[in-house]
Amino acid sequence: MEKPLLDDRLCRVMELPNHLKILLIHDPDTDKASAAMDVNVGSFSDPDDVPGTAHAVENFCFMGTKKYPGENEYSTYLTKYGGNSNAYTASTSTDYYSELSASSTSNSPGSSATEKQSNVSISKGKAPLYGALDRFS
């Protein structure tokens, strides 16, 4: 991965067990943690007889999951840690993003993914970001 010479943040490209490729960027000088995801499906993918499908799915993602079935559980959790989230559906993609306090993420910037660039062990922590990602998945 190439990055600007003056960028001193730690960057890692990883692949999750479900084959989703991710980029982690660790900046010890920030007080926020954030996550963003771009899905390669937008309103142009809607069936002709069901317009608005991609946007409806975007909104359903915030309505709860099997593990966290409560409506607004995700946004309630983010608010608890000074965060927020949003999403938008474009013509060819749907984007989701969120941020929250990073107060306890400085020692655990990884996930259960497998490292692609080195054999560094990365473990889950009790950081608010992990709880947010768990609730969104």
C-alpha atoms as a PDB file:
ATOM      1  CA  MET A   1       0.000   0.000   0.000  1.00  0.00           C
ATOM      2  CA  GLU A   2       1.338   3.423  -0.907  1.00  0.00           C
ATOM      3  CA  LYS A   3       0.801   6.441   1.324  1.00  0.00           C
ATOM      4  CA  PRO A   4       2.238   9.970   1.425  1.00  0.00           C
ATOM      5  CA  LEU A   5       5.738  10.259   2.896  1.00  0.00           C
ATOM      6  CA  LEU A   6       4.557  12.707   5.555  1.00  0.00           C
ATOM      7  CA  ASP A   7       1.728  10.437   6.725  1.00  0.00           C
ATOM      8  CA  ASP A   8       3.017   8.789   9.908  1.00  0.00           C
ATOM      9  CA  ARG A   9      -0.175   6.892  10.744  1.00  0.00           C
ATOM     10  CA  LEU A  10      -0.010   3.097  10.971  1.00  0.00           C
ATOM     11  CA  CYS A  11      -1.908   1.511   8.061  1.00  0.00           C
ATOM     12  CA  ARG A  12      -2.745  -2.156   7.568  1.00  0.00           C
ATOM     13  CA  VAL A  13      -4.532  -3.927   4.742  1.00  0.00           C
ATOM     14  CA  MET A  14      -6.248  -7.072   6.000  1.00  0.00           C
ATOM     15  CA  GLU A  15      -8.683  -9.748   4.903  1.00  0.00           C
ATOM     16  CA  LEU A  16     -11.465 -10.902   7.222  1.00  0.00           C
ATOM     17  CA  PRO A  17     -12.539 -14.559   7.485  1.00  0.00           C
ATOM     18  CA  ASN A  18     -15.490 -13.728   5.166  1.00  0.00           C
ATOM     19  CA  HIS A  19     -12.968 -12.497   2.520  1.00  0.00           C
ATOM     20  CA  LEU A  20     -13.892  -8.837   2.980  1.00  0.00           C
ATOM     21  CA  LYS A  21     -10.775  -6.723   2.447  1.00  0.00           C
ATOM     22  CA  ILE A  22     -10.330  -3.870   4.907  1.00  0.00           C
ATOM     23  CA  LEU A  23      -7.969  -0.987   5.558  1.00  0.00           C
ATOM     24  CA  LEU A  24      -7.150  -0.087   9.159  1.00  0.00           C
ATOM     25  CA  ILE A  25      -5.608   3.289   9.933  1.00  0.00           C
ATOM     26  CA  HIS A  26      -4.315   3.950  13.436  1.00  0.00           C
ATOM     27  CA  ASP A  27      -3.665   7.525  14.528  1.00  0.00           C
ATOM     28  CA  PRO A  28      -2.651   7.779  18.204  1.00  0.00           C
ATOM     29  CA  ASP A  29      -3.232  11.552  18.158  1.00  0.00           C
ATOM     30  CA  THR A  30      -6.982  11.411  17.506  1.00  0.00           C
ATOM     31  CA  ASP A  31      -9.787  11.127  20.040  1.00  0.00           C
ATOM     32  CA  LYS A  32     -12.232   9.447  17.623  1.00  0.00           C
ATOM     33  CA  ALA A  33     -12.511   6.000  16.068  1.00  0.00           C
ATOM     34  CA  SER A  34     -14.446   5.580  12.854  1.00  0.00           C
ATOM     35  CA  ALA A  35     -15.499   2.990  10.335  1.00  0.00           C
ATOM     36  CA  ALA A  36     -16.799   3.294   6.801  1.00  0.00           C
ATOM     37  CA  MET A  37     -17.999   0.746   4.282  1.00  0.00           C
ATOM     38  CA  ASP A  38     -18.817   1.100   0.603  1.00  0.00           C
ATOM     39  CA  VAL A  39     -21.090  -1.562  -0.904  1.00  0.00           C
ATOM     40  CA  ASN A  40     -21.051  -1.849  -4.686  1.00  0.00           C
ATOM     41  CA  VAL A  41     -24.867  -1.746  -4.996  1.00  0.00           C
ATOM     42  CA  GLY A  42     -26.894   1.410  -5.462  1.00  0.00           C
ATOM     43  CA  SER A  43     -30.171   2.633  -6.887  1.00  0.00           C
ATOM     44  CA  PHE A  44     -29.197   1.582 -10.432  1.00  0.00           C
ATOM     45  CA  SER A  45     -29.403  -2.007  -9.130  1.00  0.00           C
ATOM     46  CA  ASP A  46     -33.036  -1.646  -8.067  1.00  0.00           C
ATOM     47  CA  PRO A  47     -35.482  -3.910  -9.909  1.00  0.00           C
ATOM     48  CA  ASP A  48     -37.698  -1.914 -12.279  1.00  0.00           C
ATOM     49  CA  ASP A  49     -40.827  -3.056 -10.449  1.00  0.00           C
ATOM     50  CA  VAL A  50     -39.431  -2.255  -6.948  1.00  0.00           C
ATOM     51  CA  PRO A  51     -37.706   1.140  -7.050  1.00  0.00           C
ATOM     52  CA  GLY A  52     -36.063   2.209  -3.802  1.00  0.00           C
ATOM     53  CA  THR A  53     -34.876  -1.281  -2.829  1.00  0.00           C
ATOM     54  CA  ALA A  54     -31.231  -0.274  -2.261  1.00  0.00           C
ATOM     55  CA  HIS A  55     -32.278   2.665  -0.084  1.00  0.00           C
ATOM     56  CA  ALA A  56     -34.673   0.471   1.907  1.00  0.00           C
ATOM     57  CA  VAL A  57     -31.885  -2.044   2.579  1.00  0.00           C
ATOM     58  CA  GLU A  58     -29.643   0.840   3.691  1.00  0.00           C
ATOM     59  CA  ASN A  59     -32.231   1.802   6.309  1.00  0.00           C
ATOM     60  CA  PHE A  60     -32.856  -1.793   7.418  1.00  0.00           C
ATOM     61  CA  CYS A  61     -29.194  -2.086   8.396  1.00  0.00           C
ATOM     62  CA  PHE A  62     -29.851   0.294  11.299  1.00  0.00           C
ATOM     63  CA  MET A  63     -32.966  -1.530  12.529  1.00  0.00           C
ATOM     64  CA  GLY A  64     -31.288  -4.270  14.572  1.00  0.00           C
ATOM     65  CA  THR A  65     -29.645  -7.634  14.008  1.00  0.00           C
ATOM     66  CA  LYS A  66     -30.193 -11.179  15.186  1.00  0.00           C
ATOM     67  CA  LYS A  67     -27.587 -10.681  17.936  1.00  0.00           C
ATOM     68  CA  TYR A  68     -28.844  -7.176  18.846  1.00  0.00           C
ATOM     69  CA  PRO A  69     -32.537  -7.183  17.859  1.00  0.00           C
ATOM     70  CA  GLY A  70     -33.509  -3.917  19.525  1.00  0.00           C
ATOM     71  CA  GLU A  71     -34.481  -1.175  17.111  1.00  0.00           C
ATOM     72  CA  ASN A  72     -31.949   1.666  17.365  1.00  0.00           C
ATOM     73  CA  GLU A  73     -29.529  -0.498  19.408  1.00  0.00           C
ATOM     74  CA  TYR A  74     -26.678   0.573  17.140  1.00  0.00           C
ATOM     75  CA  SER A  75     -27.359   4.314  17.362  1.00  0.00           C
ATOM     76  CA  THR A  76     -27.977   4.074  21.118  1.00  0.00           C
ATOM     77  CA  TYR A  77     -24.591   2.407  21.559  1.00  0.00           C
ATOM     78  CA  LEU A  78     -22.843   5.041  19.426  1.00  0.00           C
ATOM     79  CA  THR A  79     -24.518   7.868  21.344  1.00  0.00           C
ATOM     80  CA  LYS A  80     -23.352   6.324  24.636  1.00  0.00           C
ATOM     81  CA  TYR A  81     -19.769   6.817  23.402  1.00  0.00           C
ATOM     82  CA  GLY A  82     -20.263  10.283  21.900  1.00  0.00           C
ATOM     83  CA  GLY A  83     -20.723   8.989  18.374  1.00  0.00           C
ATOM     84  CA  ASN A  84     -23.076   8.964  15.434  1.00  0.00           C
ATOM     85  CA  SER A  85     -23.649   7.229  12.129  1.00  0.00           C
ATOM     86  CA  ASN A  86     -25.200   7.800   8.762  1.00  0.00           C
ATOM     87  CA  ALA A  87     -25.461   6.255   5.330  1.00  0.00           C
ATOM     88  CA  TYR A  88     -26.455   7.194   1.831  1.00  0.00           C
ATOM     89  CA  THR A  89     -27.446   5.403  -1.333  1.00  0.00           C
ATOM     90  CA  ALA A  90     -25.941   6.648  -4.581  1.00  0.00           C
ATOM     91  CA  SER A  91     -26.482   5.421  -8.129  1.00  0.00           C
ATOM     92  CA  THR A  92     -23.879   2.652  -8.026  1.00  0.00           C
ATOM     93  CA  SER A  93     -23.017   2.233  -4.338  1.00  0.00           C
ATOM     94  CA  THR A  94     -24.282   2.514  -0.785  1.00  0.00           C
ATOM     95  CA  ASP A  95     -22.014   3.983   1.888  1.00  0.00           C
ATOM     96  CA  TYR A  96     -22.199   3.539   5.653  1.00  0.00           C
ATOM     97  CA  TYR A  97     -20.077   5.410   8.173  1.00  0.00           C
ATOM     98  CA  SER A  98     -19.873   5.975  11.906  1.00  0.00           C
ATOM     99  CA  GLU A  99     -17.634   7.499  14.546  1.00  0.00           C
ATOM    100  CA  LEU A 100     -17.363   7.360  18.313  1.00  0.00           C
ATOM    101  CA  SER A 101     -14.912   7.928  21.147  1.00  0.00           C
ATOM    102  CA  ALA A 102     -11.538   6.215  20.730  1.00  0.00           C
ATOM    103  CA  SER A 103     -10.609   6.630  24.380  1.00  0.00           C
ATOM    104  CA  SER A 104      -9.626   2.984  24.827  1.00  0.00           C
ATOM    105  CA  THR A 105      -8.614   2.016  21.272  1.00  0.00           C
ATOM    106  CA  SER A 106      -4.985   3.132  21.318  1.00  0.00           C
ATOM    107  CA  ASN A 107      -3.641  -0.268  22.398  1.00  0.00           C
ATOM    108  CA  SER A 108      -5.863  -2.444  20.233  1.00  0.00           C
ATOM    109  CA  PRO A 109      -6.293  -1.144  16.675  1.00  0.00           C
ATOM    110  CA  GLY A 110      -6.967  -4.547  15.088  1.00  0.00           C
ATOM    111  CA  SER A 111      -9.614  -7.206  14.711  1.00  0.00           C
ATOM    112  CA  SER A 112      -9.982 -10.954  14.364  1.00  0.00           C
ATOM    113  CA  ALA A 113      -8.793 -10.627  10.768  1.00  0.00           C
ATOM    114  CA  THR A 114      -5.642 -12.233   9.457  1.00  0.00           C
ATOM    115  CA  GLU A 115      -2.715  -9.901   8.836  1.00  0.00           C
ATOM    116  CA  LYS A 116      -1.816  -9.596   5.141  1.00  0.00           C
ATOM    117  CA  GLN A 117       1.469  -7.668   5.461  1.00  0.00           C
ATOM    118  CA  SER A 118       3.152  -9.335   8.458  1.00  0.00           C
ATOM    119  CA  ASN A 119       2.535 -11.941  11.125  1.00  0.00           C
ATOM    120  CA  VAL A 120       1.649  -9.415  13.815  1.00  0.00           C
ATOM    121  CA  SER A 121      -0.905 -10.818  16.251  1.00  0.00           C
ATOM    122  CA  ILE A 122      -3.970  -8.593  16.514  1.00  0.00           C
ATOM    123  CA  SER A 123      -6.524  -9.191  19.225  1.00  0.00           C
ATOM    124  CA  LYS A 124      -9.932  -7.774  20.033  1.00  0.00           C
ATOM    125  CA  GLY A 125     -10.132  -5.295  22.862  1.00  0.00           C
ATOM    126  CA  LYS A 126     -12.832  -3.704  24.922  1.00  0.00           C
ATOM    127  CA  ALA A 127     -12.693  -0.526  22.842  1.00  0.00           C
ATOM    128  CA  PRO A 128     -16.003   1.128  21.928  1.00  0.00           C
ATOM    129  CA  LEU A 129     -15.256   0.628  18.214  1.00  0.00           C
ATOM    130  CA  TYR A 130     -15.419  -3.161  18.577  1.00  0.00           C
ATOM    131  CA  GLY A 131     -18.843  -2.941  20.192  1.00  0.00           C
ATOM    132  CA  ALA A 132     -20.047  -0.700  17.366  1.00  0.00           C
ATOM    133  CA  LEU A 133     -18.735  -3.035  14.669  1.00  0.00           C
ATOM    134  CA  ASP A 134     -20.274  -6.024  16.450  1.00  0.00           C
ATOM    135  CA  ARG A 135     -23.663  -4.315  16.537  1.00  0.00           C
ATOM    136  CA  PHE A 136     -23.510  -3.291  12.882  1.00  0.00           C
ATOM    137  CA  SER A 137     -22.423  -6.698  11.536  1.00  0.00           C
END
